[in-house]
Amino acid sequence: MNTPIDVQIITQNGQPAFVVIPYDEYIRSRRSFVPGDGESVPHEVAGLTVKKGYTLLRAWREYLGLTQKDVAKKMGISQAAFSQIESGENKLRKVTLEKLAAALEVSMAQIRG
């Protein structure tokens, strides 16, 4: 069952022109653009790794509009611990990858790189 969300419709010249939705809903809608095969990475994420030299984790985090603190909280770790994970310096254990994927709401394949 779909839960209704509060939206605001802004009109111009009597016609609907814009829709304002809650921020959380906007973030969820951005995630819906991630291909459904669970292995693809959006162009924007790949672009951040190439153009800005970000690790794949940082690119995903920024694409999803999350802070390090947000992801760390979802994983049940400190922001400092997440920062070390995001740096990509250490190989991650499977359990850590699973927690990351759950926190970012993507598949493990999408964050392995």
Protein backbone atom coordinates (compact mmCIF):
# COMPACT_ATOMS: atom_id res chain seq x y z
CA MET A 1 0.00 0.00 0.00
CA ASN A 2 1.34 3.43 -0.90
CA THR A 3 1.35 6.02 1.86
CA PRO A 4 0.14 9.41 0.64
CA ILE A 5 2.66 12.21 0.87
CA ASP A 6 2.12 15.91 1.34
CA VAL A 7 2.70 17.79 -1.88
CA GLN A 8 2.23 21.38 -2.88
CA ILE A 9 1.25 22.23 -6.43
CA ILE A 10 2.28 25.65 -7.68
CA THR A 11 0.39 27.04 -10.64
CA GLN A 12 1.22 29.64 -13.25
CA ASN A 13 -1.51 31.17 -15.35
CA GLY A 14 -3.98 28.74 -13.81
CA GLN A 15 -2.00 25.66 -14.90
CA PRO A 16 0.09 23.32 -12.71
CA ALA A 17 3.75 24.30 -13.14
CA PHE A 18 5.69 22.87 -10.18
CA VAL A 19 5.28 20.29 -7.45
CA VAL A 20 6.95 20.69 -4.06
CA ILE A 21 7.54 17.42 -2.19
CA PRO A 22 9.18 16.59 1.15
CA TYR A 23 12.97 16.27 0.96
CA ASP A 24 12.96 12.61 2.07
CA GLU A 25 10.58 11.78 -0.76
CA TYR A 26 12.85 13.60 -3.21
CA ILE A 27 15.81 11.47 -2.07
CA ARG A 28 13.76 8.29 -2.44
CA SER A 29 12.70 9.36 -5.93
CA ARG A 30 16.34 9.93 -6.95
CA ARG A 31 17.14 6.40 -5.87
CA SER A 32 14.39 5.11 -8.13
CA PHE A 33 16.50 6.22 -11.10
CA VAL A 34 19.18 3.69 -10.17
CA PRO A 35 18.86 0.86 -12.71
CA GLY A 36 16.93 -2.10 -11.35
CA ASP A 37 19.51 -4.75 -12.15
CA GLY A 38 21.35 -4.02 -8.90
CA GLU A 39 24.72 -3.85 -10.63
CA SER A 40 24.68 -0.65 -12.66
CA VAL A 41 26.03 2.65 -11.39
CA PRO A 42 24.37 5.92 -12.43
CA HIS A 43 26.36 8.14 -14.78
CA GLU A 44 26.51 10.88 -12.14
CA VAL A 45 28.18 8.53 -9.64
CA ALA A 46 30.74 7.32 -12.18
CA GLY A 47 31.35 10.93 -13.21
CA LEU A 48 32.23 11.95 -9.66
CA THR A 49 34.84 9.19 -9.45
CA VAL A 50 36.42 10.27 -12.73
CA LYS A 51 36.07 14.06 -12.68
CA LYS A 52 36.67 14.67 -8.99
CA GLY A 53 38.69 11.58 -8.07
CA TYR A 54 36.18 10.50 -5.41
CA THR A 55 36.09 6.95 -4.16
CA LEU A 56 33.02 5.06 -5.31
CA LEU A 57 31.59 5.23 -1.78
CA ARG A 58 32.00 8.99 -1.57
CA ALA A 59 30.47 9.40 -5.03
CA TRP A 60 27.43 7.33 -4.01
CA ARG A 61 27.08 9.21 -0.73
CA GLU A 62 27.18 12.61 -2.40
CA TYR A 63 24.87 11.47 -5.22
CA LEU A 64 22.34 10.40 -2.59
CA GLY A 65 22.67 13.71 -0.74
CA LEU A 66 23.97 12.14 2.48
CA THR A 67 26.67 13.29 4.87
CA GLN A 68 29.31 11.04 6.38
CA LYS A 69 27.49 11.43 9.68
CA ASP A 70 24.20 10.28 8.08
CA VAL A 71 25.74 7.09 6.70
CA ALA A 72 27.74 6.39 9.86
CA LYS A 73 24.57 6.66 11.95
CA LYS A 74 22.74 4.22 9.66
CA MET A 75 25.68 1.80 9.99
CA GLY A 76 25.93 2.20 13.76
CA ILE A 77 29.51 3.51 13.67
CA SER A 78 31.24 6.83 14.26
CA GLN A 79 31.71 9.43 11.54
CA ALA A 80 35.48 9.02 11.93
CA ALA A 81 35.21 5.26 11.33
CA PHE A 82 33.07 5.87 8.25
CA SER A 83 35.58 8.42 6.97
CA GLN A 84 38.29 5.73 7.06
CA ILE A 85 36.02 3.30 5.21
CA GLU A 86 35.14 5.92 2.60
CA SER A 87 38.79 6.74 1.97
CA GLY A 88 39.14 3.34 0.30
CA GLU A 89 42.54 2.65 1.84
CA ASN A 90 41.54 -0.69 3.37
CA LYS A 91 39.86 -3.71 1.83
CA LEU A 92 36.41 -4.08 3.35
CA ARG A 93 35.01 -7.23 4.90
CA LYS A 94 31.78 -8.67 3.53
CA VAL A 95 29.82 -7.71 6.65
CA THR A 96 30.98 -4.08 6.28
CA LEU A 97 29.98 -4.07 2.60
CA GLU A 98 26.56 -5.41 3.56
CA LYS A 99 26.10 -2.62 6.15
CA LEU A 100 27.22 -0.01 3.61
CA ALA A 101 24.84 -1.29 0.95
CA ALA A 102 21.95 -1.28 3.43
CA ALA A 103 22.81 2.24 4.64
CA LEU A 104 22.99 3.59 1.08
CA GLU A 105 20.06 1.43 -0.10
CA VAL A 106 22.03 0.03 -3.03
CA SER A 107 23.36 -3.44 -3.82
CA MET A 108 26.78 -4.68 -2.75
CA ALA A 109 27.73 -4.98 -6.43
CA GLN A 110 27.07 -1.26 -6.90
CA ILE A 111 29.54 -0.22 -4.18
CA ARG A 112 32.32 -2.75 -4.79
CA GLY A 113 33.72 -0.93 -7.76
